[in-house]
Amino acid sequence: MDFNTLPEFDRDLKKLSKRFRSLEQDIEVLKKVLSVMPEAAPPRSFRIAGTHSGTPIIKVKKFACKSLKGSGANSGIRAIYAYCQERCEIKFLEIYFKGDKELEDKNRFKLDK
């Protein structure tokens, strides 16, 4: 499985990593999980409806961040990615803390084919 990121995702991750020190390690754990189970698997993750993209856009809700003590998988960190099964590729689009912003930025979902 190939993993890629948007530049906006990299900026979000860098900014959040200053607040949540374990976040980069937590992303590596997420990559291992997605290598085995890349499709949406409720309640851990689900497809975002209305994206008008041929590539499924998936939001991970159950994201365990070690830096958010006592939260476990309900940490409030959300990760959004596109899964292209034909190319065996996952492209991370956005990561955010739910306490800072309630919903994802759907403008990032316009993917180049």
Protein backbone atom coordinates (compact mmCIF):
# COMPACT_ATOMS: atom_id res chain seq x y z
CA MET A 1 0.00 0.00 0.00
CA ASP A 2 1.33 3.42 -0.99
CA PHE A 3 0.65 6.38 1.29
CA ASN A 4 0.70 9.97 0.06
CA THR A 5 -0.37 13.28 1.54
CA LEU A 6 -1.62 16.65 0.36
CA PRO A 7 0.60 19.61 1.33
CA GLU A 8 -2.34 20.90 3.39
CA PHE A 9 -2.38 17.62 5.35
CA ASP A 10 1.34 17.98 6.06
CA ARG A 11 0.78 21.51 7.39
CA ASP A 12 -2.14 20.35 9.55
CA LEU A 13 -0.09 17.47 10.92
CA LYS A 14 2.88 19.71 11.73
CA LYS A 15 0.65 22.20 13.54
CA LEU A 16 -1.22 19.52 15.52
CA SER A 17 2.02 17.67 16.35
CA LYS A 18 3.13 20.64 18.40
CA ARG A 19 0.08 20.18 20.64
CA PHE A 20 -0.13 16.39 20.51
CA ARG A 21 3.42 15.03 20.66
CA SER A 22 2.51 11.42 19.82
CA LEU A 23 0.53 12.29 16.68
CA GLU A 24 3.17 11.33 14.13
CA GLN A 25 3.62 7.93 15.81
CA ASP A 26 -0.17 7.56 15.96
CA ILE A 27 -0.35 8.20 12.19
CA GLU A 28 2.15 5.38 11.64
CA VAL A 29 -0.12 3.03 13.63
CA LEU A 30 -3.07 4.18 11.52
CA LYS A 31 -1.10 3.40 8.34
CA LYS A 32 -0.50 -0.15 9.58
CA VAL A 33 -4.21 -0.59 10.25
CA LEU A 34 -5.15 0.87 6.86
CA SER A 35 -2.69 -1.45 5.10
CA VAL A 36 -4.84 -4.33 6.30
CA MET A 37 -8.30 -2.67 6.31
CA PRO A 38 -8.35 0.29 3.89
CA GLU A 39 -12.13 0.32 3.32
CA ALA A 40 -14.56 2.15 5.58
CA ALA A 41 -15.48 0.05 8.63
CA PRO A 42 -18.19 1.63 10.79
CA PRO A 43 -18.06 2.75 13.57
CA ARG A 44 -14.28 3.24 13.25
CA SER A 45 -14.50 4.93 9.87
CA PHE A 46 -17.11 5.72 7.24
CA ARG A 47 -17.45 7.08 3.71
CA ILE A 48 -18.23 10.75 3.37
CA ALA A 49 -21.32 11.17 1.21
CA GLY A 50 -21.75 13.82 -1.47
CA THR A 51 -18.11 14.19 -2.49
CA HIS A 52 -18.78 13.65 -6.23
CA SER A 53 -15.51 11.80 -6.56
CA GLY A 54 -15.00 8.40 -8.12
CA THR A 55 -12.52 7.68 -5.36
CA PRO A 56 -14.06 6.90 -1.95
CA ILE A 57 -13.33 9.57 0.67
CA ILE A 58 -13.19 8.05 4.16
CA LYS A 59 -13.22 9.72 7.57
CA VAL A 60 -11.56 7.98 10.51
CA LYS A 61 -13.37 8.82 13.73
CA LYS A 62 -11.94 6.21 16.07
CA PHE A 63 -8.39 7.51 16.07
CA ALA A 64 -6.36 6.72 19.18
CA CYS A 65 -4.00 9.56 20.06
CA LYS A 66 -1.73 8.74 23.00
CA SER A 67 -1.27 12.44 23.79
CA LEU A 68 -4.96 12.82 24.61
CA LYS A 69 -4.99 10.92 27.86
CA GLY A 70 -8.23 9.30 28.96
CA SER A 71 -9.83 9.61 25.54
CA GLY A 72 -8.72 6.34 23.99
CA ALA A 73 -10.07 5.88 20.48
CA ASN A 74 -12.55 8.73 21.03
CA SER A 75 -9.73 11.27 21.10
CA GLY A 76 -11.32 13.89 18.91
CA ILE A 77 -8.67 13.60 16.19
CA ARG A 78 -10.17 13.06 12.75
CA ALA A 79 -8.26 11.86 9.68
CA ILE A 80 -9.67 12.04 6.15
CA TYR A 81 -8.23 10.02 3.27
CA ALA A 82 -8.99 8.91 -0.27
CA TYR A 83 -8.62 5.21 -1.08
CA CYS A 84 -7.83 4.25 -4.67
CA GLN A 85 -8.17 0.49 -4.84
CA GLU A 86 -6.88 0.21 -8.44
CA ARG A 87 -3.56 1.88 -7.59
CA CYS A 88 -3.42 0.42 -4.06
CA GLU A 89 -2.95 3.95 -2.75
CA ILE A 90 -4.17 5.98 0.20
CA LYS A 91 -3.88 9.76 0.03
CA PHE A 92 -4.29 11.61 3.32
CA LEU A 93 -6.31 14.77 2.72
CA GLU A 94 -6.94 16.32 6.12
CA ILE A 95 -6.35 15.86 9.84
CA TYR A 96 -7.93 17.98 12.52
CA PHE A 97 -8.87 18.14 16.19
CA LYS A 98 -12.61 18.14 16.67
CA GLY A 99 -12.31 20.69 19.48
CA ASP A 100 -10.91 23.20 16.95
CA LYS A 101 -13.26 22.54 14.06
CA GLU A 102 -16.44 20.52 13.78
CA LEU A 103 -16.40 19.33 10.14
CA GLU A 104 -13.92 18.50 7.40
CA ASP A 105 -13.02 20.90 4.56
CA LYS A 106 -14.75 19.39 1.51
CA ASN A 107 -12.80 21.70 -0.84
CA ARG A 108 -9.81 19.39 -0.35
CA PHE A 109 -11.73 16.46 -1.81
CA LYS A 110 -11.34 17.58 -5.42
CA LEU A 111 -8.76 15.01 -6.47
CA ASP A 112 -6.81 14.82 -9.70
CA LYS A 113 -7.33 11.54 -11.49
